[in-house]
């Protein structure tokens, strides 16, 4: 998706968010290294809004009957703040790579 388009982001605990946005990157833990699919997995996505803000989504998904998706989202003002929301795990690092974002801990 290269163009901004109207989108609606539903939240489990909160009002839906509507924005003109485009997806910058998305990653999933669904497939294993052996190419099999897991019953439960996580998907991380980052969208940019037309106004220059970023929507970070974390979805905990399941293929098991009766299990509902868990979704969490955060709106941040800069791409660097995406790291604060998405964390430091291996899937988040894959997302940062897809975003070409240099996410490091800096020390002096």
Protein backbone atom coordinates (compact mmCIF):
# COMPACT_ATOMS: atom_id res chain seq x y z
CA UNK A 1 0.00 0.00 0.00
CA UNK A 2 1.64 3.25 -1.13
CA UNK A 3 -1.26 5.66 -0.94
CA UNK A 4 -3.09 7.00 2.07
CA UNK A 5 -6.58 5.58 2.39
CA UNK A 6 -9.34 5.73 5.00
CA UNK A 7 -8.80 3.11 7.71
CA UNK A 8 -10.51 2.08 10.91
CA UNK A 9 -8.56 0.59 13.81
CA UNK A 10 -10.65 -1.25 16.40
CA UNK A 11 -9.48 -1.50 19.97
CA UNK A 12 -10.51 -3.98 22.63
CA UNK A 13 -10.65 -1.32 25.35
CA UNK A 14 -11.32 1.99 23.67
CA UNK A 15 -13.06 3.75 20.87
CA UNK A 16 -12.14 2.86 17.29
CA UNK A 17 -9.65 5.15 15.60
CA UNK A 18 -10.27 6.35 12.06
CA UNK A 19 -7.49 7.92 10.00
CA UNK A 20 -6.26 8.38 6.48
CA UNK A 21 -3.19 6.14 6.65
CA UNK A 22 -0.83 3.81 4.84
CA UNK A 23 0.88 0.71 6.17
CA UNK A 24 4.65 1.07 6.41
CA UNK A 25 5.50 -2.43 7.65
CA UNK A 26 3.99 -5.58 9.15
CA UNK A 27 5.50 -8.77 10.58
CA UNK A 28 4.03 -11.99 11.94
CA UNK A 29 5.19 -14.89 14.09
CA UNK A 30 2.64 -17.28 12.51
CA UNK A 31 5.02 -19.48 10.57
CA UNK A 32 7.76 -21.51 12.21
CA UNK A 33 11.21 -22.00 10.73
CA UNK A 34 9.95 -25.36 9.40
CA UNK A 35 7.16 -23.57 7.47
CA UNK A 36 4.37 -24.83 9.72
CA UNK A 37 1.74 -22.49 11.11
CA UNK A 38 1.25 -21.92 14.83
CA UNK A 39 -2.16 -22.02 16.54
CA UNK A 40 -1.38 -18.74 18.32
CA UNK A 41 0.74 -15.92 16.95
CA UNK A 42 1.49 -12.20 17.11
CA UNK A 43 1.32 -9.60 14.36
CA UNK A 44 2.94 -6.18 14.58
CA UNK A 45 2.16 -3.33 12.17
CA UNK A 46 3.01 0.34 11.78
CA UNK A 47 0.93 2.82 9.80
CA UNK A 48 1.65 6.43 8.94
CA UNK A 49 -1.24 8.88 8.97
CA UNK A 50 -1.68 11.68 6.49
CA UNK A 51 -1.04 14.08 9.38
CA UNK A 52 2.40 12.59 10.03
CA UNK A 53 1.61 10.53 13.12
CA UNK A 54 2.16 6.77 13.47
CA UNK A 55 -0.25 4.05 14.54
CA UNK A 56 1.39 1.00 16.13
CA UNK A 57 -0.68 -2.17 16.35
CA UNK A 58 0.00 -5.37 18.26
CA UNK A 59 -2.39 -8.25 17.63
CA UNK A 60 -2.42 -11.54 19.52
CA UNK A 61 -4.27 -13.95 17.21
CA UNK A 62 -5.45 -17.54 17.45
CA UNK A 63 -6.76 -20.23 15.11
CA UNK A 64 -8.27 -22.09 18.07
CA UNK A 65 -12.07 -22.14 18.37
CA UNK A 66 -13.51 -19.70 20.90
CA UNK A 67 -10.39 -17.59 21.29
CA UNK A 68 -10.84 -13.90 20.52
CA UNK A 69 -8.10 -11.69 19.08
CA UNK A 70 -6.32 -9.33 21.47
CA UNK A 71 -5.45 -6.00 19.93
CA UNK A 72 -3.50 -3.12 21.33
CA UNK A 73 -2.68 0.10 19.57
CA UNK A 74 -0.86 3.30 20.25
CA UNK A 75 -0.64 6.56 18.33
CA UNK A 76 2.78 8.21 18.49
CA UNK A 77 4.21 11.43 17.08
CA UNK A 78 7.47 10.11 15.64
CA UNK A 79 8.83 6.94 14.09
CA UNK A 80 11.43 6.75 16.88
CA UNK A 81 8.65 6.44 19.47
CA UNK A 82 7.47 3.25 17.76
CA UNK A 83 10.23 1.41 19.63
CA UNK A 84 8.85 2.46 23.01
CA UNK A 85 5.51 0.87 22.13
CA UNK A 86 6.67 -2.23 20.26
CA UNK A 87 9.45 -3.26 22.64
CA UNK A 88 12.72 -5.10 22.12
CA UNK A 89 11.71 -8.69 21.26
CA UNK A 90 12.79 -10.61 18.17
CA UNK A 91 9.56 -9.87 16.28
CA UNK A 92 9.83 -6.17 17.07
CA UNK A 93 13.40 -6.19 15.77
CA UNK A 94 12.13 -7.73 12.52
CA UNK A 95 9.62 -4.88 12.29
CA UNK A 96 12.35 -2.28 12.83
CA UNK A 97 14.39 -3.90 10.09
CA UNK A 98 11.39 -3.75 7.72
CA UNK A 99 11.01 -0.06 8.63
CA UNK A 100 14.76 0.51 8.09
CA UNK A 101 14.76 1.89 11.65
CA UNK A 102 18.04 1.82 13.57
CA UNK A 103 16.69 0.74 16.96
CA UNK A 104 19.57 0.53 19.40
CA UNK A 105 20.21 1.26 23.05
CA UNK A 106 22.79 4.05 23.22
CA UNK A 107 25.16 4.45 26.14
CA UNK A 108 28.06 6.80 26.82
